[in-house]
Amino acid sequence: MQPKTPTQWFRWDDRFEGMAERKGQHLCSACGPKWYADGTPTEYGTWHDQFERVFLPRGQFKTNREGNLEHIETGRTDFRAFAITPEQAK
């Protein structure tokens, strides 16, 4: 696993407002919300703005035995070479 990799997973549920498309998803601790709907802070979201956000083609990567991202077809781990724009990720 890379240094400073989020190790907690967050499940979006009814305690949080907005972003309905995330409901039921399992998100890493970077993407989890910082606040509950009532304004109480969560233990999630602490990784916001700590790293450059890299968008990758959906379904083309897996976690390898070392805990790093690996391109499924090529086995390459230089994932930034496969980066796409946020618009392409939609």
C-alpha atoms as a PDB file:
ATOM      1  CA  MET A   1       0.000   0.000   0.000  1.00  0.00           C
ATOM      2  CA  GLN A   2       1.286   3.469  -0.871  1.00  0.00           C
ATOM      3  CA  PRO A   3       2.268   5.782   1.991  1.00  0.00           C
ATOM      4  CA  LYS A   4      -0.672   7.848   3.265  1.00  0.00           C
ATOM      5  CA  THR A   5      -3.169   5.662   1.397  1.00  0.00           C
ATOM      6  CA  PRO A   6      -6.637   5.902   2.941  1.00  0.00           C
ATOM      7  CA  THR A   7      -7.243   2.719   4.898  1.00  0.00           C
ATOM      8  CA  GLN A   8     -10.834   3.252   6.027  1.00  0.00           C
ATOM      9  CA  TRP A   9     -13.891   2.753   3.859  1.00  0.00           C
ATOM     10  CA  PHE A  10     -16.990   4.850   4.285  1.00  0.00           C
ATOM     11  CA  ARG A  11     -20.545   3.804   3.415  1.00  0.00           C
ATOM     12  CA  TRP A  12     -22.751   6.715   2.344  1.00  0.00           C
ATOM     13  CA  ASP A  13     -26.203   6.483   3.928  1.00  0.00           C
ATOM     14  CA  ASP A  14     -29.161   8.609   5.051  1.00  0.00           C
ATOM     15  CA  ARG A  15     -27.136  10.409   7.734  1.00  0.00           C
ATOM     16  CA  PHE A  16     -25.662  12.595   5.000  1.00  0.00           C
ATOM     17  CA  GLU A  17     -27.299  15.154   2.751  1.00  0.00           C
ATOM     18  CA  GLY A  18     -26.638  15.777  -0.917  1.00  0.00           C
ATOM     19  CA  MET A  19     -24.792  13.766  -3.537  1.00  0.00           C
ATOM     20  CA  ALA A  20     -27.570  11.208  -3.952  1.00  0.00           C
ATOM     21  CA  GLU A  21     -25.454   9.386  -6.530  1.00  0.00           C
ATOM     22  CA  ARG A  22     -23.096   8.335  -3.716  1.00  0.00           C
ATOM     23  CA  LYS A  23     -25.810   6.727  -1.575  1.00  0.00           C
ATOM     24  CA  GLY A  24     -24.954   3.095  -0.862  1.00  0.00           C
ATOM     25  CA  GLN A  25     -21.456   3.388  -2.319  1.00  0.00           C
ATOM     26  CA  HIS A  26     -18.340   2.374  -0.420  1.00  0.00           C
ATOM     27  CA  LEU A  27     -15.956   5.308  -0.577  1.00  0.00           C
ATOM     28  CA  CYS A  28     -12.392   5.673   0.626  1.00  0.00           C
ATOM     29  CA  SER A  29     -11.777   7.953   3.580  1.00  0.00           C
ATOM     30  CA  ALA A  30     -10.697  10.705   1.185  1.00  0.00           C
ATOM     31  CA  CYS A  31     -14.135  10.830  -0.440  1.00  0.00           C
ATOM     32  CA  GLY A  32     -16.211  10.378   2.687  1.00  0.00           C
ATOM     33  CA  PRO A  33     -17.896  13.539   3.974  1.00  0.00           C
ATOM     34  CA  LYS A  34     -16.305  15.693   6.662  1.00  0.00           C
ATOM     35  CA  TRP A  35     -19.671  16.526   8.288  1.00  0.00           C
ATOM     36  CA  TYR A  36     -22.908  14.751   9.139  1.00  0.00           C
ATOM     37  CA  ALA A  37     -26.149  16.419   7.961  1.00  0.00           C
ATOM     38  CA  ASP A  38     -26.575  17.957  11.437  1.00  0.00           C
ATOM     39  CA  GLY A  39     -23.137  19.634  11.248  1.00  0.00           C
ATOM     40  CA  THR A  40     -21.330  17.202  13.551  1.00  0.00           C
ATOM     41  CA  PRO A  41     -17.845  16.325  12.226  1.00  0.00           C
ATOM     42  CA  THR A  42     -17.182  12.765  11.043  1.00  0.00           C
ATOM     43  CA  GLU A  43     -13.915  10.859  11.297  1.00  0.00           C
ATOM     44  CA  TYR A  44     -13.924  10.676   7.480  1.00  0.00           C
ATOM     45  CA  GLY A  45     -12.827  13.115   4.826  1.00  0.00           C
ATOM     46  CA  THR A  46      -9.516  13.816   6.532  1.00  0.00           C
ATOM     47  CA  TRP A  47      -7.567  13.187   3.329  1.00  0.00           C
ATOM     48  CA  HIS A  48      -9.271  15.975   1.340  1.00  0.00           C
ATOM     49  CA  ASP A  49      -6.767  18.122  -0.588  1.00  0.00           C
ATOM     50  CA  GLN A  50      -3.781  15.984   0.482  1.00  0.00           C
ATOM     51  CA  PHE A  51      -3.104  14.510  -2.963  1.00  0.00           C
ATOM     52  CA  GLU A  52      -3.565  15.396  -6.601  1.00  0.00           C
ATOM     53  CA  ARG A  53      -6.778  13.745  -7.777  1.00  0.00           C
ATOM     54  CA  VAL A  54      -6.212  11.315 -10.646  1.00  0.00           C
ATOM     55  CA  PHE A  55      -9.152  10.044 -12.695  1.00  0.00           C
ATOM     56  CA  LEU A  56      -8.744   6.601 -14.280  1.00  0.00           C
ATOM     57  CA  PRO A  57     -10.856   4.615 -16.740  1.00  0.00           C
ATOM     58  CA  ARG A  58     -13.470   2.693 -14.770  1.00  0.00           C
ATOM     59  CA  GLY A  59     -12.981  -1.069 -14.550  1.00  0.00           C
ATOM     60  CA  GLN A  60      -9.439  -1.098 -15.950  1.00  0.00           C
ATOM     61  CA  PHE A  61      -7.493  -1.329 -12.675  1.00  0.00           C
ATOM     62  CA  LYS A  62      -7.163  -3.677  -9.728  1.00  0.00           C
ATOM     63  CA  THR A  63      -5.181  -3.737  -6.496  1.00  0.00           C
ATOM     64  CA  ASN A  64      -2.130  -5.966  -6.906  1.00  0.00           C
ATOM     65  CA  ARG A  65      -0.391  -8.104  -4.259  1.00  0.00           C
ATOM     66  CA  GLU A  66       1.694  -5.136  -3.107  1.00  0.00           C
ATOM     67  CA  GLY A  67      -1.457  -3.067  -2.583  1.00  0.00           C
ATOM     68  CA  ASN A  68      -0.833  -0.794  -5.560  1.00  0.00           C
ATOM     69  CA  LEU A  69      -3.008  -0.058  -8.572  1.00  0.00           C
ATOM     70  CA  GLU A  70      -2.277  -2.280 -11.545  1.00  0.00           C
ATOM     71  CA  HIS A  71      -3.680  -1.980 -15.056  1.00  0.00           C
ATOM     72  CA  ILE A  72      -5.574  -5.220 -15.697  1.00  0.00           C
ATOM     73  CA  GLU A  73      -4.630  -5.667 -19.376  1.00  0.00           C
ATOM     74  CA  THR A  74      -0.967  -4.627 -19.233  1.00  0.00           C
ATOM     75  CA  GLY A  75       0.093  -5.223 -15.611  1.00  0.00           C
ATOM     76  CA  ARG A  76       1.591  -1.733 -15.524  1.00  0.00           C
ATOM     77  CA  THR A  77       1.596   0.130 -12.209  1.00  0.00           C
ATOM     78  CA  ASP A  78       2.373   3.609 -13.565  1.00  0.00           C
ATOM     79  CA  PHE A  79      -1.316   4.497 -13.278  1.00  0.00           C
ATOM     80  CA  ARG A  80      -0.788   8.192 -14.038  1.00  0.00           C
ATOM     81  CA  ALA A  81       0.030   7.201 -17.629  1.00  0.00           C
ATOM     82  CA  PHE A  82      -3.638   6.147 -17.951  1.00  0.00           C
ATOM     83  CA  ALA A  83      -5.116   9.320 -16.428  1.00  0.00           C
ATOM     84  CA  ILE A  84      -8.220  10.790 -18.027  1.00  0.00           C
ATOM     85  CA  THR A  85      -9.943  14.135 -17.547  1.00  0.00           C
ATOM     86  CA  PRO A  86     -12.833  14.535 -15.091  1.00  0.00           C
ATOM     87  CA  GLU A  87     -15.142  15.042 -18.072  1.00  0.00           C
ATOM     88  CA  GLN A  88     -14.061  11.698 -19.562  1.00  0.00           C
ATOM     89  CA  ALA A  89     -14.727   9.991 -16.225  1.00  0.00           C
ATOM     90  CA  LYS A  90     -18.439  10.877 -16.267  1.00  0.00           C
END
